[in-house]
Amino acid sequence: MAEDQSSPAQVGIIVVAHADYGSAMLRTAEFILGTLSDCTSISVDIAQEVPETVRRLDDAAQRLDKGAGVIILTDMFGGTPTNLALSLLGNHHVEVVTGVNLPMLLKVFSSRTKSLEELAELAGEAGTRGIVVAGKMLRNKTRDKADKTDKSEKADKAGAQA
């Protein structure tokens, strides 16, 4: 079957991370979203020579760029995966976003028809919003609810005394 030429090109996705973190993230995203396309992970570990890893990154960026560019999601700023990914900025239509987490990855997969630049911004926002200190948030909600109840009771008492 011929491809629909009217649909916009999707941004390719590469997850570059230490050990098997990237492949585990993609498997998890696929578990949630179903079959995924135009994506790959590249592991960075001591078993691979740096030039070989850079070659694999370069090959993946070429293969996954269908005209909209490639977003490269890395595990942490300053780490080897990010440093290697940054080497592609001058030679490919790529953007590198660090701190990959599942909310970020899911947002990227669900927004792939956006421009590469816009997708990178959305990825950063989703990644940040996905980080929550749950206990603190729940305690604050409980405290806020108690404060509203106290204010309501005080207003009722003041109304009854008037």
N, C-alpha and C. Protein backbone atom coordinates (compact mmCIF):
# COMPACT_ATOMS: atom_id res chain seq x y z
N MET A 1 0.84 -1.17 0.00
CA MET A 1 0.00 0.00 0.00
C MET A 1 0.89 1.24 0.00
N ALA A 2 0.56 2.26 -0.78
CA ALA A 2 1.35 3.49 -0.86
C ALA A 2 1.13 4.33 0.39
N GLU A 3 2.19 5.04 0.79
CA GLU A 3 2.08 5.92 1.95
C GLU A 3 1.23 7.12 1.60
N ASP A 4 0.47 7.61 2.56
CA ASP A 4 -0.34 8.80 2.38
C ASP A 4 0.59 10.01 2.41
N GLN A 5 0.76 10.66 1.26
CA GLN A 5 1.68 11.79 1.15
C GLN A 5 1.16 13.03 1.85
N SER A 6 -0.14 13.08 2.20
CA SER A 6 -0.69 14.27 2.84
C SER A 6 -0.43 14.31 4.34
N SER A 7 -0.08 13.20 4.94
CA SER A 7 0.17 13.22 6.38
C SER A 7 1.55 13.80 6.64
N PRO A 8 1.66 14.65 7.68
CA PRO A 8 2.96 15.27 7.96
C PRO A 8 3.97 14.24 8.44
N ALA A 9 5.23 14.51 8.14
CA ALA A 9 6.30 13.62 8.59
C ALA A 9 6.37 13.66 10.12
N GLN A 10 6.67 12.51 10.69
CA GLN A 10 6.83 12.43 12.14
C GLN A 10 8.29 12.57 12.51
N VAL A 11 8.52 13.17 13.66
CA VAL A 11 9.87 13.29 14.19
C VAL A 11 10.33 11.90 14.64
N GLY A 12 11.54 11.53 14.25
CA GLY A 12 12.12 10.27 14.73
C GLY A 12 12.55 10.42 16.18
N ILE A 13 12.65 9.30 16.88
CA ILE A 13 12.97 9.33 18.31
C ILE A 13 14.12 8.36 18.60
N ILE A 14 15.14 8.88 19.28
CA ILE A 14 16.25 8.05 19.76
C ILE A 14 16.38 8.28 21.26
N VAL A 15 16.41 7.21 22.03
CA VAL A 15 16.68 7.30 23.46
C VAL A 15 18.10 6.79 23.66
N VAL A 16 18.97 7.66 24.17
CA VAL A 16 20.37 7.30 24.40
C VAL A 16 20.60 7.38 25.90
N ALA A 17 20.99 6.24 26.48
CA ALA A 17 21.12 6.19 27.93
C ALA A 17 22.15 5.15 28.35
N HIS A 18 22.53 5.24 29.61
CA HIS A 18 23.45 4.25 30.18
C HIS A 18 22.77 2.88 30.23
N ALA A 19 23.56 1.85 29.99
CA ALA A 19 23.12 0.45 30.09
C ALA A 19 21.83 0.22 29.30
N ASP A 20 20.85 -0.43 29.90
CA ASP A 20 19.62 -0.81 29.19
C ASP A 20 18.45 0.11 29.48
N TYR A 21 18.70 1.26 30.09
CA TYR A 21 17.62 2.17 30.48
C TYR A 21 16.78 2.59 29.27
N GLY A 22 17.41 2.96 28.16
CA GLY A 22 16.68 3.41 26.99
C GLY A 22 15.79 2.35 26.39
N SER A 23 16.30 1.13 26.25
CA SER A 23 15.48 0.06 25.68
C SER A 23 14.32 -0.29 26.61
N ALA A 24 14.56 -0.24 27.92
CA ALA A 24 13.47 -0.50 28.87
C ALA A 24 12.40 0.59 28.78
N MET A 25 12.82 1.83 28.60
CA MET A 25 11.85 2.92 28.45
C MET A 25 11.00 2.72 27.19
N LEU A 26 11.63 2.35 26.08
CA LEU A 26 10.86 2.13 24.85
C LEU A 26 9.91 0.94 24.99
N ARG A 27 10.36 -0.12 25.64
CA ARG A 27 9.46 -1.27 25.87
C ARG A 27 8.27 -0.87 26.72
N THR A 28 8.50 -0.04 27.72
CA THR A 28 7.42 0.42 28.59
C THR A 28 6.44 1.30 27.81
N ALA A 29 6.96 2.21 27.00
CA ALA A 29 6.10 3.06 26.18
C ALA A 29 5.27 2.21 25.23
N GLU A 30 5.88 1.18 24.67
CA GLU A 30 5.15 0.30 23.75
C GLU A 30 4.08 -0.50 24.49
N PHE A 31 4.35 -0.87 25.72
CA PHE A 31 3.36 -1.55 26.55
C PHE A 31 2.13 -0.66 26.75
N ILE A 32 2.36 0.64 26.93
CA ILE A 32 1.27 1.58 27.18
C ILE A 32 0.58 2.01 25.89
N LEU A 33 1.36 2.31 24.85
CA LEU A 33 0.82 2.90 23.62
C LEU A 33 0.56 1.92 22.49
N GLY A 34 1.12 0.74 22.57
CA GLY A 34 1.04 -0.19 21.45
C GLY A 34 2.29 -0.07 20.60
N THR A 35 2.27 -0.68 19.44
CA THR A 35 3.44 -0.74 18.56
C THR A 35 3.92 0.66 18.19
N LEU A 36 5.21 0.85 18.29
CA LEU A 36 5.83 2.15 18.00
C LEU A 36 6.72 2.02 16.77
N SER A 37 6.84 3.12 16.03
CA SER A 37 7.68 3.10 14.83
C SER A 37 8.64 4.28 14.84
N ASP A 38 9.63 4.20 13.96
CA ASP A 38 10.61 5.28 13.78
C ASP A 38 11.24 5.71 15.10
N CYS A 39 11.65 4.72 15.88
CA CYS A 39 12.32 4.99 17.15
C CYS A 39 13.34 3.88 17.42
N THR A 40 14.31 4.22 18.25
CA THR A 40 15.30 3.24 18.65
C THR A 40 15.94 3.70 19.95
N SER A 41 16.66 2.79 20.57
CA SER A 41 17.46 3.17 21.74
C SER A 41 18.90 2.77 21.48
N ILE A 42 19.78 3.52 22.06
CA ILE A 42 21.20 3.22 21.96
C ILE A 42 21.76 3.20 23.37
N SER A 43 22.36 2.08 23.72
CA SER A 43 22.95 1.91 25.04
C SER A 43 24.38 2.40 25.03
N VAL A 44 24.75 3.06 26.11
CA VAL A 44 26.14 3.50 26.28
C VAL A 44 26.68 2.73 27.47
N ASP A 45 27.68 1.93 27.22
CA ASP A 45 28.30 1.17 28.31
C ASP A 45 29.77 0.92 28.00
N ILE A 46 30.47 0.35 28.95
CA ILE A 46 31.91 0.17 28.79
C ILE A 46 32.27 -0.87 27.73
N ALA A 47 31.30 -1.69 27.33
CA ALA A 47 31.59 -2.72 26.33
C ALA A 47 31.72 -2.12 24.93
N GLN A 48 31.19 -0.90 24.71
CA GLN A 48 31.23 -0.26 23.39
C GLN A 48 32.29 0.83 23.37
N GLU A 49 33.05 0.88 22.32
CA GLU A 49 34.01 1.96 22.11
C GLU A 49 33.23 3.23 21.73
N VAL A 50 33.71 4.38 22.15
CA VAL A 50 33.04 5.65 21.86
C VAL A 50 32.82 5.86 20.35
N PRO A 51 33.82 5.67 19.50
CA PRO A 51 33.57 5.87 18.06
C PRO A 51 32.46 4.96 17.51
N GLU A 52 32.37 3.74 18.02
CA GLU A 52 31.32 2.83 17.58
C GLU A 52 29.95 3.34 18.01
N THR A 53 29.84 3.86 19.21
CA THR A 53 28.57 4.40 19.70
C THR A 53 28.18 5.63 18.88
N VAL A 54 29.13 6.50 18.58
CA VAL A 54 28.85 7.68 17.76
C VAL A 54 28.40 7.26 16.36
N ARG A 55 29.03 6.24 15.80
CA ARG A 55 28.63 5.74 14.48
C ARG A 55 27.19 5.24 14.52
N ARG A 56 26.83 4.49 15.58
CA ARG A 56 25.47 3.97 15.72
C ARG A 56 24.46 5.11 15.86
N LEU A 57 24.83 6.14 16.59
CA LEU A 57 23.98 7.33 16.73
C LEU A 57 23.79 8.02 15.39
N ASP A 58 24.87 8.21 14.69
CA ASP A 58 24.83 8.85 13.38
C ASP A 58 23.94 8.06 12.41
N ASP A 59 24.13 6.75 12.37
CA ASP A 59 23.31 5.89 11.50
C ASP A 59 21.83 5.99 11.87
N ALA A 60 21.54 5.95 13.17
CA ALA A 60 20.14 6.02 13.62
C ALA A 60 19.52 7.36 13.26
N ALA A 61 20.26 8.45 13.42
CA ALA A 61 19.73 9.77 13.08
C ALA A 61 19.42 9.86 11.59
N GLN A 62 20.31 9.32 10.75
CA GLN A 62 20.06 9.33 9.30
C GLN A 62 18.84 8.49 8.95
N ARG A 63 18.75 7.32 9.54
CA ARG A 63 17.67 6.38 9.22
C ARG A 63 16.30 6.89 9.69
N LEU A 64 16.26 7.55 10.86
CA LEU A 64 14.98 7.94 11.45
C LEU A 64 14.48 9.31 11.01
N ASP A 65 15.33 10.09 10.35
CA ASP A 65 14.89 11.41 9.89
C ASP A 65 14.15 11.25 8.57
N LYS A 66 12.83 11.34 8.65
CA LYS A 66 11.98 11.21 7.45
C LYS A 66 11.58 12.59 6.92
N GLY A 67 12.30 13.61 7.36
CA GLY A 67 12.02 14.97 6.90
C GLY A 67 11.66 15.93 8.02
N ALA A 68 11.30 15.43 9.19
CA ALA A 68 10.90 16.29 10.32
C ALA A 68 11.99 16.38 11.39
N GLY A 69 13.08 15.67 11.20
CA GLY A 69 14.15 15.69 12.18
C GLY A 69 14.04 14.55 13.17
N VAL A 70 14.94 14.57 14.15
CA VAL A 70 15.00 13.51 15.16
C VAL A 70 15.21 14.15 16.52
N ILE A 71 14.43 13.72 17.49
CA ILE A 71 14.63 14.15 18.86
C ILE A 71 15.43 13.06 19.57
N ILE A 72 16.47 13.47 20.25
CA ILE A 72 17.30 12.53 21.00
C ILE A 72 17.08 12.80 22.47
N LEU A 73 16.57 11.81 23.16
CA LEU A 73 16.28 11.91 24.59
C LEU A 73 17.38 11.17 25.34
N THR A 74 18.04 11.86 26.25
CA THR A 74 19.14 11.24 27.00
C THR A 74 18.83 11.22 28.48
N ASP A 75 19.57 10.38 29.21
CA ASP A 75 19.24 10.19 30.62
C ASP A 75 19.63 11.34 31.52
N MET A 76 20.81 11.96 31.31
CA MET A 76 21.15 13.08 32.19
C MET A 76 22.17 14.00 31.54
N PHE A 77 21.98 15.29 31.79
CA PHE A 77 22.89 16.29 31.25
C PHE A 77 24.28 16.08 31.85
N GLY A 78 25.28 16.16 31.00
CA GLY A 78 26.66 16.00 31.45
C GLY A 78 27.16 14.57 31.37
N GLY A 79 26.25 13.61 31.18
CA GLY A 79 26.66 12.22 31.08
C GLY A 79 27.16 11.89 29.67
N THR A 80 27.84 10.78 29.55
CA THR A 80 28.38 10.36 28.26
C THR A 80 27.30 10.24 27.18
N PRO A 81 26.12 9.65 27.47
CA PRO A 81 25.09 9.59 26.42
C PRO A 81 24.75 10.97 25.85
N THR A 82 24.61 11.95 26.72
CA THR A 82 24.29 13.31 26.25
C THR A 82 25.46 13.89 25.47
N ASN A 83 26.65 13.75 26.00
CA ASN A 83 27.81 14.30 25.31
C ASN A 83 27.97 13.71 23.92
N LEU A 84 27.74 12.43 23.77
CA LEU A 84 27.83 11.80 22.45
C LEU A 84 26.71 12.29 21.53
N ALA A 85 25.49 12.42 22.08
CA ALA A 85 24.35 12.90 21.29
C ALA A 85 24.58 14.33 20.81
N LEU A 86 25.19 15.15 21.64
CA LEU A 86 25.45 16.55 21.27
C LEU A 86 26.38 16.65 20.06
N SER A 87 27.18 15.62 19.84
CA SER A 87 28.10 15.64 18.69
C SER A 87 27.34 15.61 17.36
N LEU A 88 26.05 15.26 17.38
CA LEU A 88 25.26 15.22 16.15
C LEU A 88 24.62 16.55 15.78
N LEU A 89 24.63 17.52 16.70
CA LEU A 89 23.93 18.78 16.46
C LEU A 89 24.38 19.49 15.19
N GLY A 90 25.63 19.44 14.87
CA GLY A 90 26.12 20.15 13.69
C GLY A 90 25.89 19.45 12.38
N ASN A 91 25.65 18.14 12.42
CA ASN A 91 25.57 17.35 11.19
C ASN A 91 24.18 16.85 10.83
N HIS A 92 23.23 16.96 11.75
CA HIS A 92 21.89 16.41 11.53
C HIS A 92 20.84 17.39 12.01
N HIS A 93 19.60 17.20 11.56
CA HIS A 93 18.47 17.99 12.05
C HIS A 93 17.95 17.27 13.31
N VAL A 94 18.62 17.55 14.44
CA VAL A 94 18.30 16.89 15.70
C VAL A 94 18.17 17.92 16.81
N GLU A 95 17.48 17.52 17.85
CA GLU A 95 17.46 18.27 19.10
C GLU A 95 17.70 17.26 20.21
N VAL A 96 18.44 17.67 21.23
CA VAL A 96 18.77 16.79 22.36
C VAL A 96 18.05 17.33 23.59
N VAL A 97 17.29 16.45 24.25
CA VAL A 97 16.60 16.80 25.50
C VAL A 97 17.07 15.80 26.55
N THR A 98 17.51 16.31 27.69
CA THR A 98 18.06 15.45 28.74
C THR A 98 17.03 15.18 29.83
N GLY A 99 17.32 14.18 30.66
CA GLY A 99 16.45 13.85 31.79
C GLY A 99 15.24 13.03 31.40
N VAL A 100 15.38 12.18 30.40
CA VAL A 100 14.22 11.43 29.91
C VAL A 100 13.54 10.65 31.03
N ASN A 101 12.23 10.75 31.05
CA ASN A 101 11.41 9.96 31.95
C ASN A 101 10.17 9.51 31.18
N LEU A 102 9.37 8.68 31.77
CA LEU A 102 8.23 8.11 31.04
C LEU A 102 7.22 9.18 30.61
N PRO A 103 6.84 10.14 31.46
CA PRO A 103 5.91 11.17 30.99
C PRO A 103 6.46 11.93 29.77
N MET A 104 7.75 12.22 29.78
CA MET A 104 8.36 12.89 28.64
C MET A 104 8.27 12.03 27.39
N LEU A 105 8.62 10.77 27.51
CA LEU A 105 8.63 9.88 26.36
C LEU A 105 7.22 9.70 25.78
N LEU A 106 6.23 9.54 26.65
CA LEU A 106 4.86 9.39 26.17
C LEU A 106 4.38 10.66 25.46
N LYS A 107 4.73 11.83 25.97
CA LYS A 107 4.37 13.10 25.33
C LYS A 107 5.01 13.19 23.94
N VAL A 108 6.27 12.79 23.85
CA VAL A 108 6.96 12.85 22.56
C VAL A 108 6.27 11.94 21.54
N PHE A 109 5.93 10.73 21.96
CA PHE A 109 5.26 9.82 21.03
C PHE A 109 3.88 10.34 20.61
N SER A 110 3.20 11.03 21.49
CA SER A 110 1.84 11.50 21.17
C SER A 110 1.84 12.85 20.45
N SER A 111 3.01 13.46 20.26
CA SER A 111 3.07 14.80 19.65
C SER A 111 4.07 14.87 18.51
N ARG A 112 4.35 13.76 17.88
CA ARG A 112 5.43 13.67 16.89
C ARG A 112 5.23 14.46 15.61
N THR A 113 4.03 14.95 15.35
CA THR A 113 3.81 15.72 14.13
C THR A 113 4.08 17.21 14.35
N LYS A 114 4.39 17.60 15.57
CA LYS A 114 4.79 18.98 15.86
C LYS A 114 6.19 19.21 15.27
N SER A 115 6.58 20.47 15.16
CA SER A 115 7.95 20.76 14.70
C SER A 115 8.93 20.21 15.73
N LEU A 116 10.13 19.95 15.29
CA LEU A 116 11.16 19.42 16.17
C LEU A 116 11.39 20.36 17.36
N GLU A 117 11.44 21.64 17.10
CA GLU A 117 11.68 22.62 18.16
C GLU A 117 10.53 22.63 19.17
N GLU A 118 9.30 22.62 18.66
CA GLU A 118 8.13 22.62 19.55
C GLU A 118 8.07 21.31 20.35
N LEU A 119 8.38 20.20 19.69
CA LEU A 119 8.37 18.90 20.36
C LEU A 119 9.39 18.87 21.49
N ALA A 120 10.56 19.45 21.26
CA ALA A 120 11.59 19.49 22.30
C ALA A 120 11.10 20.28 23.52
N GLU A 121 10.42 21.40 23.28
CA GLU A 121 9.86 22.19 24.39
C GLU A 121 8.80 21.39 25.14
N LEU A 122 7.90 20.74 24.40
CA LEU A 122 6.85 19.92 25.03
C LEU A 122 7.46 18.79 25.85
N ALA A 123 8.52 18.20 25.32
CA ALA A 123 9.19 17.10 26.04
C ALA A 123 9.73 17.59 27.38
N GLY A 124 10.41 18.73 27.36
CA GLY A 124 10.95 19.27 28.60
C GLY A 124 9.87 19.59 29.61
N GLU A 125 8.78 20.18 29.14
CA GLU A 125 7.66 20.51 30.04
C GLU A 125 7.03 19.25 30.63
N ALA A 126 6.79 18.26 29.79
CA ALA A 126 6.17 17.02 30.26
C ALA A 126 7.07 16.29 31.24
N GLY A 127 8.36 16.28 30.96
CA GLY A 127 9.30 15.64 31.87
C GLY A 127 9.31 16.29 33.23
N THR A 128 9.28 17.62 33.23
CA THR A 128 9.27 18.36 34.50
C THR A 128 7.97 18.13 35.26
N ARG A 129 6.84 18.23 34.55
CA ARG A 129 5.53 18.01 35.21
C ARG A 129 5.39 16.59 35.74
N GLY A 130 6.11 15.66 35.14
CA GLY A 130 6.02 14.27 35.57
C GLY A 130 6.77 13.98 36.86
N ILE A 131 7.51 14.95 37.35
CA ILE A 131 8.25 14.76 38.59
C ILE A 131 7.45 15.37 39.73
N VAL A 132 6.96 14.53 40.62
CA VAL A 132 6.09 14.97 41.71
C VAL A 132 6.55 14.30 43.00
N VAL A 133 6.68 15.07 44.05
CA VAL A 133 6.91 14.52 45.38
C VAL A 133 5.51 14.21 45.91
N ALA A 134 5.07 12.98 45.69
CA ALA A 134 3.66 12.62 45.89
C ALA A 134 3.19 12.83 47.32
N GLY A 135 3.99 12.42 48.30
CA GLY A 135 3.57 12.57 49.69
C GLY A 135 3.34 14.03 50.05
N LYS A 136 4.24 14.89 49.65
CA LYS A 136 4.11 16.32 49.92
C LYS A 136 2.87 16.88 49.25
N MET A 137 2.65 16.51 47.98
CA MET A 137 1.48 16.99 47.25
C MET A 137 0.20 16.57 47.95
N LEU A 138 0.13 15.30 48.36
CA LEU A 138 -1.07 14.80 49.02
C LEU A 138 -1.28 15.46 50.38
N ARG A 139 -0.19 15.68 51.11
CA ARG A 139 -0.32 16.37 52.40
C ARG A 139 -0.81 17.79 52.19
N ASN A 140 -0.32 18.48 51.18
CA ASN A 140 -0.77 19.84 50.89
C ASN A 140 -2.24 19.87 50.52
N LYS A 141 -2.69 18.90 49.73
CA LYS A 141 -4.11 18.84 49.35
C LYS A 141 -4.98 18.60 50.58
N THR A 142 -4.52 17.71 51.46
CA THR A 142 -5.28 17.43 52.69
C THR A 142 -5.33 18.68 53.56
N ARG A 143 -4.20 19.38 53.69
CA ARG A 143 -4.15 20.60 54.49
C ARG A 143 -5.04 21.68 53.87
N ASP A 144 -5.00 21.85 52.54
CA ASP A 144 -5.83 22.84 51.87
C ASP A 144 -7.31 22.54 52.09
N LYS A 145 -7.67 21.27 52.02
CA LYS A 145 -9.07 20.87 52.22
C LYS A 145 -9.49 21.18 53.66
N ALA A 146 -8.62 20.90 54.62
CA ALA A 146 -8.92 21.19 56.03
C ALA A 146 -9.05 22.69 56.24
N ASP A 147 -8.18 23.49 55.60
CA ASP A 147 -8.26 24.94 55.72
C ASP A 147 -9.59 25.47 55.18
N LYS A 148 -10.03 24.94 54.03
CA LYS A 148 -11.31 25.37 53.45
C LYS A 148 -12.46 25.00 54.37
N THR A 149 -12.39 23.81 54.97
CA THR A 149 -13.44 23.37 55.89
C THR A 149 -13.48 24.29 57.10
N ASP A 150 -12.31 24.63 57.66
CA ASP A 150 -12.24 25.54 58.81
C ASP A 150 -12.83 26.90 58.47
N LYS A 151 -12.47 27.44 57.31
CA LYS A 151 -12.99 28.75 56.90
C LYS A 151 -14.49 28.70 56.72
N SER A 152 -14.99 27.63 56.15
CA SER A 152 -16.43 27.47 55.93
C SER A 152 -17.16 27.39 57.26
N GLU A 153 -16.59 26.64 58.20
CA GLU A 153 -17.21 26.52 59.53
C GLU A 153 -17.20 27.86 60.25
N LYS A 154 -16.12 28.63 60.15
CA LYS A 154 -16.02 29.94 60.79
C LYS A 154 -17.05 30.89 60.17
N ALA A 155 -17.21 30.83 58.85
CA ALA A 155 -18.19 31.68 58.17
C ALA A 155 -19.59 31.31 58.62
N ASP A 156 -19.85 29.99 58.77
CA ASP A 156 -21.18 29.55 59.22
C ASP A 156 -21.45 30.06 60.64
N LYS A 157 -20.46 29.99 61.52
CA LYS A 157 -20.60 30.45 62.90
C LYS A 157 -20.85 31.96 62.93
N ALA A 158 -20.09 32.69 62.08
CA ALA A 158 -20.25 34.14 62.05
C ALA A 158 -21.63 34.51 61.53
N GLY A 159 -22.12 33.77 60.57
CA GLY A 159 -23.46 34.00 60.03
C GLY A 159 -24.54 33.68 61.04
N ALA A 160 -24.31 32.66 61.83
CA ALA A 160 -25.30 32.27 62.83
C ALA A 160 -25.36 33.27 63.98
N GLN A 161 -24.23 33.92 64.29
CA GLN A 161 -24.18 34.88 65.39
C GLN A 161 -24.75 36.23 64.96
N ALA A 162 -24.79 36.49 63.66
CA ALA A 162 -25.25 37.80 63.20
C ALA A 162 -26.73 37.98 63.31
